[in-house]
């Protein structure tokens, strides 16, 4: 009788297993990444819709939309220090990012005179301390370049020309006529940000109205 020997994989079996794992990884990882991107796009759209609802609440209370930084960015003119001013945040929350009261004669308190909290920002809304732009508002892809446009003349349509002289560029990209038609977008408030992986040569956006 032959002595018992411990069973083991042959080199060919090991190579076959490794090859199968490699094929499965090549199939699964892109699918997981696509699902993550789709989930973050959905989260960003929800975030934009919540901010828009807060701005509609402001208009309902005061009869007009607030005036933000001339750049038309959510973070336009904002300081990265949490104690500093952030017009978009301060107007909608009725207080500063660190929770302290607004300066009575400041631009945020002048517009939100009753200091109403129209929106409660969470920690997830802000870039973390290790970010290149700490304490600024971000979307689900960590973009801090987010455009915000409002219907300034209250005619129900946001147009280039009557409401804004030009569309602001985000991530080095400006929406085309196909994305933002000449007649304008029928909305009171809109947001847009760069799509993941997009750049000036390969433009792409996340639009609140699409």
N, C-alpha and C. Protein backbone atom coordinates (compact mmCIF):
# COMPACT_ATOMS: atom_id res chain seq x y z
N UNK A 1 0.83 -1.20 0.00
CA UNK A 1 0.00 0.00 0.00
C UNK A 1 0.87 1.26 0.00
N UNK A 2 0.36 2.28 -0.81
CA UNK A 2 1.09 3.54 -0.85
C UNK A 2 0.78 4.38 0.39
N UNK A 3 1.76 5.09 0.90
CA UNK A 3 1.48 5.97 2.07
C UNK A 3 0.55 7.11 1.68
N UNK A 4 -0.29 7.52 2.63
CA UNK A 4 -1.21 8.65 2.38
C UNK A 4 -0.42 9.94 2.20
N UNK A 5 -0.80 10.70 1.16
CA UNK A 5 -0.16 11.99 0.91
C UNK A 5 -1.21 13.10 0.99
N UNK A 6 -0.87 14.26 1.58
CA UNK A 6 -1.85 15.36 1.65
C UNK A 6 -2.20 15.83 0.25
N UNK A 7 -3.49 16.04 0.03
CA UNK A 7 -3.94 16.53 -1.27
C UNK A 7 -3.55 17.99 -1.43
N UNK A 8 -3.28 18.40 -2.65
CA UNK A 8 -2.86 19.77 -2.94
C UNK A 8 -3.23 20.11 -4.36
N UNK A 9 -3.36 21.43 -4.63
CA UNK A 9 -3.64 21.88 -5.98
C UNK A 9 -2.38 21.75 -6.83
N UNK A 10 -2.60 21.39 -8.04
CA UNK A 10 -1.49 21.40 -8.98
C UNK A 10 -1.29 22.84 -9.48
N UNK A 11 -0.15 23.08 -10.11
CA UNK A 11 0.12 24.40 -10.65
C UNK A 11 -0.93 24.80 -11.68
N UNK A 12 -1.34 23.84 -12.49
CA UNK A 12 -2.35 24.13 -13.51
C UNK A 12 -3.68 24.52 -12.88
N UNK A 13 -4.06 23.84 -11.79
CA UNK A 13 -5.31 24.17 -11.10
C UNK A 13 -5.23 25.56 -10.48
N UNK A 14 -4.09 25.91 -9.90
CA UNK A 14 -3.93 27.23 -9.29
C UNK A 14 -4.03 28.32 -10.35
N UNK A 15 -3.38 28.09 -11.49
CA UNK A 15 -3.44 29.08 -12.56
C UNK A 15 -4.85 29.23 -13.09
N UNK A 16 -5.59 28.12 -13.14
CA UNK A 16 -6.97 28.18 -13.61
C UNK A 16 -7.84 29.00 -12.64
N UNK A 17 -7.65 28.79 -11.34
CA UNK A 17 -8.41 29.53 -10.34
C UNK A 17 -8.09 31.02 -10.42
N UNK A 18 -6.79 31.33 -10.57
CA UNK A 18 -6.40 32.74 -10.66
C UNK A 18 -7.00 33.37 -11.90
N UNK A 19 -7.01 32.67 -13.00
CA UNK A 19 -7.59 33.21 -14.23
C UNK A 19 -9.08 33.46 -14.08
N UNK A 20 -9.79 32.54 -13.42
CA UNK A 20 -11.23 32.71 -13.21
C UNK A 20 -11.51 33.92 -12.31
N UNK A 21 -10.69 34.07 -11.25
CA UNK A 21 -10.86 35.22 -10.37
C UNK A 21 -10.62 36.52 -11.13
N UNK A 22 -9.60 36.52 -11.99
CA UNK A 22 -9.32 37.72 -12.78
C UNK A 22 -10.47 38.08 -13.70
N UNK A 23 -11.08 37.09 -14.33
CA UNK A 23 -12.22 37.34 -15.21
C UNK A 23 -13.40 37.88 -14.42
N UNK A 24 -13.67 37.28 -13.27
CA UNK A 24 -14.78 37.75 -12.44
C UNK A 24 -14.54 39.18 -11.96
N UNK A 25 -13.31 39.48 -11.57
CA UNK A 25 -12.99 40.84 -11.11
C UNK A 25 -13.19 41.85 -12.24
N UNK A 26 -12.77 41.46 -13.46
CA UNK A 26 -12.93 42.36 -14.60
C UNK A 26 -14.39 42.63 -14.90
N UNK A 27 -15.25 41.67 -14.59
CA UNK A 27 -16.68 41.85 -14.82
C UNK A 27 -17.36 42.60 -13.69
N UNK A 28 -16.93 42.33 -12.46
CA UNK A 28 -17.64 42.86 -11.28
C UNK A 28 -17.23 44.30 -10.98
N UNK A 29 -15.93 44.60 -11.01
CA UNK A 29 -15.46 45.92 -10.58
C UNK A 29 -16.06 47.05 -11.40
N UNK A 30 -16.10 46.97 -12.74
CA UNK A 30 -16.76 48.06 -13.49
C UNK A 30 -18.23 48.21 -13.15
N UNK A 31 -18.90 47.06 -12.91
CA UNK A 31 -20.32 47.13 -12.56
C UNK A 31 -20.51 47.81 -11.21
N UNK A 32 -19.61 47.50 -10.26
CA UNK A 32 -19.70 48.12 -8.93
C UNK A 32 -19.43 49.62 -9.05
N UNK A 33 -18.42 49.99 -9.86
CA UNK A 33 -18.10 51.40 -10.03
C UNK A 33 -19.27 52.14 -10.69
N UNK A 34 -19.87 51.54 -11.70
CA UNK A 34 -21.00 52.18 -12.37
C UNK A 34 -22.16 52.38 -11.40
N UNK A 35 -22.39 51.38 -10.55
CA UNK A 35 -23.47 51.49 -9.58
C UNK A 35 -23.17 52.60 -8.57
N UNK A 36 -21.90 52.73 -8.18
CA UNK A 36 -21.52 53.78 -7.23
C UNK A 36 -21.69 55.16 -7.85
N UNK A 37 -21.29 55.31 -9.11
CA UNK A 37 -21.44 56.58 -9.81
C UNK A 37 -22.91 56.95 -9.93
N UNK A 38 -23.74 55.96 -10.31
CA UNK A 38 -25.17 56.22 -10.45
C UNK A 38 -25.79 56.62 -9.11
N UNK A 39 -25.35 55.97 -8.04
CA UNK A 39 -25.88 56.30 -6.71
C UNK A 39 -25.48 57.71 -6.30
N UNK A 40 -24.23 58.11 -6.58
CA UNK A 40 -23.79 59.46 -6.24
C UNK A 40 -24.47 60.52 -7.10
N UNK A 41 -24.74 60.19 -8.35
CA UNK A 41 -25.50 61.13 -9.19
C UNK A 41 -26.90 61.35 -8.62
N UNK A 42 -27.52 60.25 -8.18
CA UNK A 42 -28.86 60.37 -7.58
C UNK A 42 -28.80 61.19 -6.30
N UNK A 43 -27.78 60.96 -5.50
CA UNK A 43 -27.63 61.73 -4.24
C UNK A 43 -27.43 63.21 -4.53
N UNK A 44 -26.64 63.51 -5.56
CA UNK A 44 -26.40 64.92 -5.92
C UNK A 44 -27.69 65.58 -6.38
N UNK A 45 -28.48 64.89 -7.17
CA UNK A 45 -29.75 65.46 -7.63
C UNK A 45 -30.71 65.70 -6.46
N UNK A 46 -30.73 64.77 -5.51
CA UNK A 46 -31.56 64.96 -4.33
C UNK A 46 -31.07 66.16 -3.53
N UNK A 47 -29.77 66.28 -3.39
CA UNK A 47 -29.18 67.43 -2.69
C UNK A 47 -29.58 68.73 -3.36
N UNK A 48 -29.48 68.78 -4.68
CA UNK A 48 -29.84 69.98 -5.42
C UNK A 48 -31.33 70.30 -5.25
N UNK A 49 -32.17 69.28 -5.28
CA UNK A 49 -33.61 69.52 -5.13
C UNK A 49 -33.94 70.03 -3.73
N UNK A 50 -33.21 69.57 -2.73
CA UNK A 50 -33.44 70.06 -1.36
C UNK A 50 -33.01 71.51 -1.23
N UNK A 51 -31.88 71.84 -1.82
CA UNK A 51 -31.44 73.24 -1.78
C UNK A 51 -32.42 74.14 -2.53
N UNK A 52 -32.91 73.64 -3.67
CA UNK A 52 -33.88 74.42 -4.45
C UNK A 52 -35.16 74.64 -3.65
N UNK A 53 -35.60 73.61 -2.93
CA UNK A 53 -36.81 73.74 -2.11
C UNK A 53 -36.60 74.79 -1.01
N UNK A 54 -35.38 74.83 -0.45
CA UNK A 54 -35.08 75.84 0.57
C UNK A 54 -35.14 77.24 -0.01
N UNK A 55 -34.63 77.40 -1.23
CA UNK A 55 -34.68 78.71 -1.88
C UNK A 55 -36.10 79.10 -2.25
N UNK A 56 -36.92 78.12 -2.60
CA UNK A 56 -38.33 78.41 -2.86
C UNK A 56 -39.03 78.83 -1.57
N UNK A 57 -38.62 78.24 -0.47
CA UNK A 57 -39.15 78.66 0.82
C UNK A 57 -38.77 80.07 1.15
N UNK A 58 -37.54 80.45 0.81
CA UNK A 58 -37.09 81.83 1.01
C UNK A 58 -37.95 82.78 0.19
N UNK A 59 -38.17 82.43 -1.08
CA UNK A 59 -38.97 83.30 -1.94
C UNK A 59 -40.41 83.41 -1.42
N UNK A 60 -40.95 82.30 -0.94
CA UNK A 60 -42.31 82.32 -0.41
C UNK A 60 -42.42 83.27 0.78
N UNK A 61 -41.36 83.32 1.57
CA UNK A 61 -41.37 84.17 2.77
C UNK A 61 -41.14 85.64 2.45
N UNK A 62 -40.20 85.91 1.55
CA UNK A 62 -39.78 87.30 1.31
C UNK A 62 -40.25 87.87 -0.02
N UNK A 63 -40.71 87.01 -0.93
CA UNK A 63 -41.20 87.51 -2.21
C UNK A 63 -40.15 87.65 -3.28
N UNK A 64 -38.92 87.23 -3.02
CA UNK A 64 -37.83 87.30 -3.99
C UNK A 64 -36.81 86.23 -3.65
N UNK A 65 -35.96 85.92 -4.61
CA UNK A 65 -34.87 84.98 -4.35
C UNK A 65 -33.67 85.74 -3.80
N UNK A 66 -32.89 85.10 -2.96
CA UNK A 66 -31.71 85.80 -2.44
C UNK A 66 -30.68 86.08 -3.52
N UNK A 67 -29.86 87.06 -3.28
CA UNK A 67 -28.79 87.42 -4.20
C UNK A 67 -27.48 86.85 -3.64
N UNK A 68 -26.84 86.00 -4.43
CA UNK A 68 -25.59 85.39 -3.99
C UNK A 68 -24.40 86.10 -4.62
N UNK A 69 -23.26 85.47 -4.53
CA UNK A 69 -22.04 86.05 -5.09
C UNK A 69 -22.19 86.24 -6.60
N UNK A 70 -21.61 87.29 -7.18
CA UNK A 70 -21.72 87.52 -8.63
C UNK A 70 -21.22 86.36 -9.49
N UNK A 71 -20.36 85.51 -8.93
CA UNK A 71 -19.86 84.36 -9.68
C UNK A 71 -20.94 83.33 -9.97
N UNK A 72 -22.07 83.40 -9.25
CA UNK A 72 -23.17 82.43 -9.36
C UNK A 72 -22.73 81.03 -8.94
N UNK A 73 -21.77 80.95 -8.03
CA UNK A 73 -21.36 79.68 -7.45
C UNK A 73 -21.93 79.55 -6.04
N UNK A 74 -22.27 78.32 -5.68
CA UNK A 74 -22.73 78.05 -4.32
C UNK A 74 -21.69 78.50 -3.30
N UNK A 75 -20.42 78.27 -3.61
CA UNK A 75 -19.34 78.66 -2.70
C UNK A 75 -18.68 79.98 -3.09
N UNK A 76 -19.33 80.74 -3.95
CA UNK A 76 -18.74 81.99 -4.41
C UNK A 76 -18.46 82.96 -3.28
N UNK A 77 -17.23 83.42 -3.19
CA UNK A 77 -16.83 84.39 -2.18
C UNK A 77 -16.74 83.85 -0.77
N UNK A 78 -16.92 82.55 -0.60
CA UNK A 78 -16.93 81.98 0.76
C UNK A 78 -15.52 81.77 1.28
N UNK A 79 -15.37 81.96 2.57
CA UNK A 79 -14.09 81.68 3.23
C UNK A 79 -14.03 80.20 3.58
N UNK A 80 -12.83 79.62 3.53
CA UNK A 80 -12.69 78.22 3.90
C UNK A 80 -12.70 78.03 5.42
N UNK A 81 -12.38 79.07 6.16
CA UNK A 81 -12.46 78.99 7.62
C UNK A 81 -13.92 78.89 8.04
N UNK A 82 -14.23 77.96 8.94
CA UNK A 82 -15.61 77.73 9.34
C UNK A 82 -16.22 78.94 10.05
N UNK A 83 -15.38 79.81 10.58
CA UNK A 83 -15.87 81.01 11.25
C UNK A 83 -16.16 82.14 10.26
N UNK A 84 -15.73 81.96 9.01
CA UNK A 84 -15.90 83.01 8.02
C UNK A 84 -17.28 83.03 7.40
N UNK A 85 -17.52 83.98 6.52
CA UNK A 85 -18.81 84.12 5.86
C UNK A 85 -18.96 83.13 4.71
N UNK A 86 -20.19 82.65 4.53
CA UNK A 86 -20.54 81.81 3.39
C UNK A 86 -21.96 82.19 3.03
N UNK A 87 -22.11 83.05 2.02
CA UNK A 87 -23.39 83.69 1.74
C UNK A 87 -24.51 82.68 1.49
N UNK A 88 -24.27 81.68 0.65
CA UNK A 88 -25.29 80.68 0.35
C UNK A 88 -25.73 79.95 1.62
N UNK A 89 -24.77 79.45 2.37
CA UNK A 89 -25.09 78.75 3.62
C UNK A 89 -25.76 79.67 4.63
N UNK A 90 -25.18 80.83 4.83
CA UNK A 90 -25.65 81.72 5.90
C UNK A 90 -27.07 82.21 5.65
N UNK A 91 -27.41 82.49 4.38
CA UNK A 91 -28.76 82.94 4.07
C UNK A 91 -29.78 81.83 4.33
N UNK A 92 -29.46 80.61 3.90
CA UNK A 92 -30.43 79.52 4.02
C UNK A 92 -30.53 78.96 5.43
N UNK A 93 -29.46 79.02 6.20
CA UNK A 93 -29.50 78.46 7.55
C UNK A 93 -29.80 79.50 8.63
N UNK A 94 -29.66 80.79 8.29
CA UNK A 94 -29.94 81.82 9.27
C UNK A 94 -28.87 81.97 10.33
N UNK A 95 -27.75 81.37 10.09
CA UNK A 95 -26.61 81.48 11.01
C UNK A 95 -25.34 81.08 10.27
N UNK A 96 -24.19 81.26 10.90
CA UNK A 96 -22.93 80.92 10.26
C UNK A 96 -22.64 79.43 10.41
N UNK A 97 -21.62 78.97 9.70
CA UNK A 97 -21.30 77.54 9.70
C UNK A 97 -20.91 77.02 11.08
N UNK A 98 -20.32 77.86 11.90
CA UNK A 98 -19.94 77.43 13.24
C UNK A 98 -21.08 77.57 14.24
N UNK A 99 -22.27 77.95 13.77
CA UNK A 99 -23.45 78.05 14.63
C UNK A 99 -23.64 79.40 15.28
N UNK A 100 -22.72 80.32 15.08
CA UNK A 100 -22.85 81.64 15.70
C UNK A 100 -23.84 82.50 14.91
N UNK A 101 -24.42 83.51 15.56
CA UNK A 101 -25.40 84.37 14.88
C UNK A 101 -24.76 85.17 13.74
N UNK A 102 -25.59 85.55 12.79
CA UNK A 102 -25.12 86.38 11.69
C UNK A 102 -24.89 87.81 12.16
N UNK A 103 -23.97 88.48 11.51
CA UNK A 103 -23.75 89.89 11.79
C UNK A 103 -24.98 90.66 11.34
N UNK A 104 -25.62 91.43 12.21
CA UNK A 104 -26.89 92.09 11.88
C UNK A 104 -26.86 92.89 10.58
N UNK A 105 -25.78 93.59 10.31
CA UNK A 105 -25.71 94.43 9.11
C UNK A 105 -25.04 93.71 7.94
N UNK A 106 -24.73 92.42 8.11
CA UNK A 106 -24.04 91.68 7.07
C UNK A 106 -24.96 91.33 5.91
N UNK A 107 -24.38 90.90 4.78
CA UNK A 107 -25.19 90.61 3.59
C UNK A 107 -26.18 89.48 3.77
N UNK A 108 -25.85 88.48 4.58
CA UNK A 108 -26.77 87.37 4.79
C UNK A 108 -27.95 87.79 5.65
N UNK A 109 -27.67 88.47 6.77
CA UNK A 109 -28.73 88.90 7.67
C UNK A 109 -29.60 89.98 7.04
N UNK A 110 -29.03 90.78 6.15
CA UNK A 110 -29.81 91.81 5.47
C UNK A 110 -30.87 91.19 4.58
N UNK A 111 -30.55 90.03 3.98
CA UNK A 111 -31.51 89.37 3.11
C UNK A 111 -32.47 88.47 3.89
N UNK A 112 -31.93 87.64 4.78
CA UNK A 112 -32.77 86.80 5.64
C UNK A 112 -32.98 87.54 6.95
N UNK A 113 -33.83 88.57 6.90
CA UNK A 113 -33.98 89.49 8.03
C UNK A 113 -34.55 88.80 9.28
N UNK A 114 -35.39 87.80 9.06
CA UNK A 114 -36.01 87.11 10.20
C UNK A 114 -35.14 85.96 10.73
N UNK A 115 -33.99 85.76 10.09
CA UNK A 115 -33.05 84.69 10.48
C UNK A 115 -33.75 83.33 10.53
N UNK A 116 -34.56 83.06 9.54
CA UNK A 116 -35.29 81.79 9.45
C UNK A 116 -34.33 80.71 8.97
N UNK A 117 -34.45 79.52 9.54
CA UNK A 117 -33.65 78.39 9.07
C UNK A 117 -34.45 77.68 7.98
N UNK A 118 -34.10 77.95 6.73
CA UNK A 118 -34.78 77.32 5.60
C UNK A 118 -34.21 75.95 5.27
N UNK A 119 -32.99 75.70 5.72
CA UNK A 119 -32.36 74.41 5.44
C UNK A 119 -31.34 74.11 6.53
N UNK A 120 -31.27 72.84 6.92
CA UNK A 120 -30.29 72.40 7.91
C UNK A 120 -29.20 71.61 7.19
N UNK A 121 -28.03 72.19 7.09
CA UNK A 121 -26.91 71.54 6.43
C UNK A 121 -26.30 70.50 7.37
N UNK A 122 -25.93 69.35 6.82
CA UNK A 122 -25.28 68.29 7.60
C UNK A 122 -23.79 68.30 7.33
N UNK A 123 -23.04 67.53 8.11
CA UNK A 123 -21.59 67.44 7.90
C UNK A 123 -21.28 66.89 6.51
N UNK A 124 -22.15 66.02 5.99
CA UNK A 124 -21.92 65.43 4.67
C UNK A 124 -21.99 66.46 3.55
N UNK A 125 -22.60 67.61 3.81
CA UNK A 125 -22.70 68.67 2.81
C UNK A 125 -21.38 69.42 2.62
N UNK A 126 -20.44 69.24 3.54
CA UNK A 126 -19.22 70.04 3.52
C UNK A 126 -17.99 69.21 3.21
N UNK A 127 -17.04 69.80 2.52
CA UNK A 127 -15.74 69.18 2.31
C UNK A 127 -15.02 69.10 3.65
N UNK A 128 -14.32 67.98 3.88
CA UNK A 128 -13.67 67.79 5.18
C UNK A 128 -12.40 68.64 5.30
N UNK A 129 -11.83 68.61 6.48
CA UNK A 129 -10.69 69.48 6.78
C UNK A 129 -9.48 69.17 5.92
N UNK A 130 -9.33 67.92 5.47
CA UNK A 130 -8.19 67.55 4.64
C UNK A 130 -8.37 67.85 3.16
N UNK A 131 -9.52 68.39 2.79
CA UNK A 131 -9.80 68.70 1.39
C UNK A 131 -9.06 69.95 0.96
N UNK A 132 -8.80 70.11 -0.36
CA UNK A 132 -8.20 71.36 -0.84
C UNK A 132 -9.09 72.57 -0.59
N UNK A 133 -10.39 72.33 -0.42
CA UNK A 133 -11.33 73.44 -0.14
C UNK A 133 -12.14 73.08 1.10
N UNK A 134 -11.53 73.06 2.26
CA UNK A 134 -12.24 72.63 3.47
C UNK A 134 -13.40 73.55 3.84
N UNK A 135 -14.44 72.93 4.39
CA UNK A 135 -15.60 73.65 4.92
C UNK A 135 -16.46 74.32 3.86
N UNK A 136 -16.22 74.00 2.58
CA UNK A 136 -17.09 74.49 1.53
C UNK A 136 -18.13 73.43 1.18
N UNK A 137 -19.25 73.85 0.64
CA UNK A 137 -20.29 72.90 0.28
C UNK A 137 -19.85 72.07 -0.92
N UNK A 138 -20.21 70.80 -0.90
CA UNK A 138 -19.80 69.88 -1.96
C UNK A 138 -20.98 69.00 -2.37
N UNK A 139 -20.85 68.36 -3.54
CA UNK A 139 -21.85 67.38 -3.94
C UNK A 139 -21.35 65.99 -3.58
N UNK A 140 -22.03 64.96 -4.04
CA UNK A 140 -21.67 63.59 -3.67
C UNK A 140 -20.36 63.14 -4.28
N UNK A 141 -19.84 63.88 -5.26
CA UNK A 141 -18.55 63.56 -5.88
C UNK A 141 -17.43 64.45 -5.35
N UNK A 142 -17.68 65.17 -4.28
CA UNK A 142 -16.72 66.08 -3.67
C UNK A 142 -16.44 67.31 -4.53
N UNK A 143 -17.30 67.60 -5.51
CA UNK A 143 -17.17 68.84 -6.27
C UNK A 143 -17.57 70.02 -5.40
N UNK A 144 -16.76 71.05 -5.39
CA UNK A 144 -17.13 72.29 -4.71
C UNK A 144 -17.48 73.39 -5.70
N UNK A 145 -17.23 73.14 -7.00
CA UNK A 145 -17.64 74.09 -8.04
C UNK A 145 -19.06 73.74 -8.47
N UNK A 146 -20.02 74.39 -7.86
CA UNK A 146 -21.43 74.14 -8.12
C UNK A 146 -22.09 75.46 -8.47
N UNK A 147 -22.70 75.52 -9.64
CA UNK A 147 -23.37 76.74 -10.07
C UNK A 147 -24.80 76.77 -9.53
N UNK A 148 -25.26 77.96 -9.15
CA UNK A 148 -26.64 78.15 -8.71
C UNK A 148 -27.20 79.37 -9.43
N UNK A 149 -28.30 79.17 -10.15
CA UNK A 149 -28.95 80.25 -10.87
C UNK A 149 -30.40 80.36 -10.41
N UNK A 150 -30.89 81.58 -10.26
CA UNK A 150 -32.27 81.80 -9.84
C UNK A 150 -32.98 82.70 -10.86
N UNK A 151 -34.29 82.61 -10.85
CA UNK A 151 -35.11 83.41 -11.75
C UNK A 151 -35.19 84.83 -11.20
N UNK A 152 -34.26 85.67 -11.61
CA UNK A 152 -34.14 87.00 -11.02
C UNK A 152 -35.32 87.90 -11.31
N UNK A 153 -35.89 87.80 -12.52
CA UNK A 153 -37.02 88.69 -12.84
C UNK A 153 -38.37 88.04 -12.56
N UNK A 154 -38.34 86.84 -11.98
CA UNK A 154 -39.56 86.15 -11.51
C UNK A 154 -40.59 85.94 -12.62
N UNK A 155 -40.10 85.63 -13.83
CA UNK A 155 -41.02 85.35 -14.93
C UNK A 155 -41.22 83.85 -15.17
N UNK A 156 -40.63 83.03 -14.29
CA UNK A 156 -40.82 81.59 -14.40
C UNK A 156 -39.79 80.89 -15.26
N UNK A 157 -38.86 81.61 -15.86
CA UNK A 157 -37.84 81.03 -16.72
C UNK A 157 -36.48 81.66 -16.40
N UNK A 158 -35.46 80.82 -16.32
CA UNK A 158 -34.10 81.32 -16.12
C UNK A 158 -33.44 81.39 -17.50
N UNK A 159 -33.06 82.61 -17.89
CA UNK A 159 -32.50 82.84 -19.23
C UNK A 159 -31.13 83.49 -19.13
N UNK A 160 -30.30 83.16 -20.12
CA UNK A 160 -29.05 83.90 -20.29
C UNK A 160 -29.39 85.18 -21.02
N UNK A 161 -28.99 86.27 -20.47
CA UNK A 161 -29.31 87.57 -21.05
C UNK A 161 -30.17 88.38 -20.11
N UNK A 162 -31.38 87.88 -19.81
CA UNK A 162 -32.27 88.62 -18.93
C UNK A 162 -31.96 88.36 -17.46
N UNK A 163 -31.59 87.14 -17.12
CA UNK A 163 -31.28 86.82 -15.72
C UNK A 163 -29.78 86.82 -15.44
N UNK A 164 -29.00 86.31 -16.39
CA UNK A 164 -27.54 86.24 -16.21
C UNK A 164 -26.86 86.60 -17.54
N UNK A 165 -25.77 87.33 -17.48
CA UNK A 165 -25.08 87.69 -18.73
C UNK A 165 -24.46 86.48 -19.43
N UNK A 166 -24.06 85.47 -18.66
CA UNK A 166 -23.46 84.26 -19.23
C UNK A 166 -23.57 83.14 -18.21
N UNK A 167 -23.47 81.91 -18.69
CA UNK A 167 -23.50 80.77 -17.79
C UNK A 167 -22.12 80.59 -17.16
N UNK A 168 -22.05 80.40 -15.86
CA UNK A 168 -20.74 80.17 -15.24
C UNK A 168 -20.18 78.81 -15.62
N UNK A 169 -18.88 78.73 -15.77
CA UNK A 169 -18.20 77.47 -16.07
C UNK A 169 -17.89 76.74 -14.76
N UNK A 170 -18.10 75.44 -14.74
CA UNK A 170 -17.75 74.61 -13.59
C UNK A 170 -16.76 73.55 -14.04
N UNK A 171 -15.67 73.43 -13.32
CA UNK A 171 -14.65 72.47 -13.72
C UNK A 171 -14.08 72.77 -15.10
N UNK A 172 -14.05 74.05 -15.49
CA UNK A 172 -13.54 74.43 -16.79
C UNK A 172 -14.49 74.16 -17.94
N UNK A 173 -15.76 73.86 -17.64
CA UNK A 173 -16.74 73.53 -18.67
C UNK A 173 -17.94 74.46 -18.57
N UNK A 174 -18.46 74.83 -19.73
CA UNK A 174 -19.68 75.65 -19.78
C UNK A 174 -20.76 74.86 -20.52
N UNK A 175 -21.96 74.78 -19.98
CA UNK A 175 -23.03 74.04 -20.66
C UNK A 175 -23.27 74.58 -22.07
N UNK A 176 -23.53 73.67 -22.99
CA UNK A 176 -23.78 74.05 -24.38
C UNK A 176 -25.25 74.40 -24.57
N UNK A 177 -25.58 74.85 -25.80
CA UNK A 177 -26.97 75.19 -26.12
C UNK A 177 -27.87 73.95 -26.05
N UNK A 178 -27.29 72.78 -26.28
CA UNK A 178 -28.07 71.55 -26.18
C UNK A 178 -28.49 71.28 -24.74
N UNK A 179 -27.64 71.68 -23.80
CA UNK A 179 -27.95 71.47 -22.38
C UNK A 179 -28.80 72.61 -21.81
N UNK A 180 -28.49 73.82 -22.25
CA UNK A 180 -29.18 75.01 -21.76
C UNK A 180 -29.73 75.76 -22.97
N UNK A 181 -30.96 75.48 -23.37
CA UNK A 181 -31.50 76.06 -24.60
C UNK A 181 -31.62 77.57 -24.53
N UNK A 182 -31.61 78.20 -25.71
CA UNK A 182 -31.69 79.66 -25.80
C UNK A 182 -32.94 80.24 -25.13
N UNK A 183 -34.11 79.57 -25.24
CA UNK A 183 -35.29 80.11 -24.55
C UNK A 183 -35.19 80.05 -23.02
N UNK A 184 -34.19 79.34 -22.53
CA UNK A 184 -34.01 79.25 -21.09
C UNK A 184 -34.57 77.96 -20.51
N UNK A 185 -34.46 77.83 -19.20
CA UNK A 185 -34.96 76.67 -18.47
C UNK A 185 -36.13 77.12 -17.61
N UNK A 186 -37.24 76.43 -17.75
CA UNK A 186 -38.43 76.81 -16.98
C UNK A 186 -38.29 76.29 -15.55
N UNK A 187 -37.81 77.15 -14.70
CA UNK A 187 -37.59 76.81 -13.29
C UNK A 187 -37.33 78.08 -12.52
N UNK A 188 -37.48 77.99 -11.20
CA UNK A 188 -37.16 79.12 -10.34
C UNK A 188 -35.73 79.08 -9.87
N UNK A 189 -35.19 77.86 -9.68
CA UNK A 189 -33.83 77.67 -9.19
C UNK A 189 -33.23 76.47 -9.91
N UNK A 190 -32.01 76.57 -10.35
CA UNK A 190 -31.32 75.44 -10.95
C UNK A 190 -29.88 75.37 -10.44
N UNK A 191 -29.36 74.15 -10.45
CA UNK A 191 -27.98 73.90 -10.06
C UNK A 191 -27.34 73.02 -11.13
N UNK A 192 -26.04 73.14 -11.27
CA UNK A 192 -25.30 72.16 -12.06
C UNK A 192 -23.86 72.09 -11.58
N UNK A 193 -23.25 70.91 -11.80
CA UNK A 193 -21.89 70.63 -11.37
C UNK A 193 -21.23 69.71 -12.39
N UNK A 194 -19.90 69.59 -12.36
CA UNK A 194 -19.23 68.71 -13.32
C UNK A 194 -19.59 67.25 -13.06
N UNK A 195 -19.74 66.49 -14.14
CA UNK A 195 -19.94 65.05 -14.02
C UNK A 195 -18.60 64.39 -13.69
N UNK A 196 -18.62 63.22 -13.08
CA UNK A 196 -17.34 62.56 -12.73
C UNK A 196 -16.52 62.24 -13.97
N UNK A 197 -15.25 62.61 -13.93
CA UNK A 197 -14.34 62.33 -15.03
C UNK A 197 -14.43 63.28 -16.20
N UNK A 198 -15.33 64.25 -16.15
CA UNK A 198 -15.49 65.19 -17.26
C UNK A 198 -14.44 66.30 -17.19
N UNK A 199 -14.10 66.84 -18.37
CA UNK A 199 -13.19 67.98 -18.44
C UNK A 199 -13.54 68.80 -19.68
N UNK A 200 -12.73 69.80 -19.97
CA UNK A 200 -13.04 70.70 -21.08
C UNK A 200 -13.08 69.98 -22.43
N UNK A 201 -12.26 68.94 -22.58
CA UNK A 201 -12.25 68.19 -23.84
C UNK A 201 -13.33 67.12 -23.89
N UNK A 202 -13.82 66.73 -22.74
CA UNK A 202 -14.88 65.72 -22.66
C UNK A 202 -15.92 66.20 -21.65
N UNK A 203 -16.70 67.23 -22.01
CA UNK A 203 -17.59 67.87 -21.03
C UNK A 203 -18.74 66.97 -20.61
N UNK A 204 -19.17 67.19 -19.39
CA UNK A 204 -20.30 66.46 -18.84
C UNK A 204 -20.75 67.13 -17.56
N UNK A 205 -22.04 67.07 -17.29
CA UNK A 205 -22.59 67.79 -16.14
C UNK A 205 -23.64 66.96 -15.42
N UNK A 206 -23.87 67.35 -14.17
CA UNK A 206 -25.03 66.88 -13.43
C UNK A 206 -25.96 68.08 -13.31
N UNK A 207 -27.10 68.01 -13.95
CA UNK A 207 -28.07 69.12 -13.96
C UNK A 207 -29.22 68.82 -13.03
N UNK A 208 -29.68 69.83 -12.33
CA UNK A 208 -30.83 69.62 -11.44
C UNK A 208 -32.13 69.50 -12.23
N UNK A 209 -32.17 70.00 -13.47
CA UNK A 209 -33.43 70.02 -14.23
C UNK A 209 -33.53 68.90 -15.24
N UNK A 210 -32.56 67.97 -15.25
CA UNK A 210 -32.60 66.85 -16.18
C UNK A 210 -32.54 65.54 -15.42
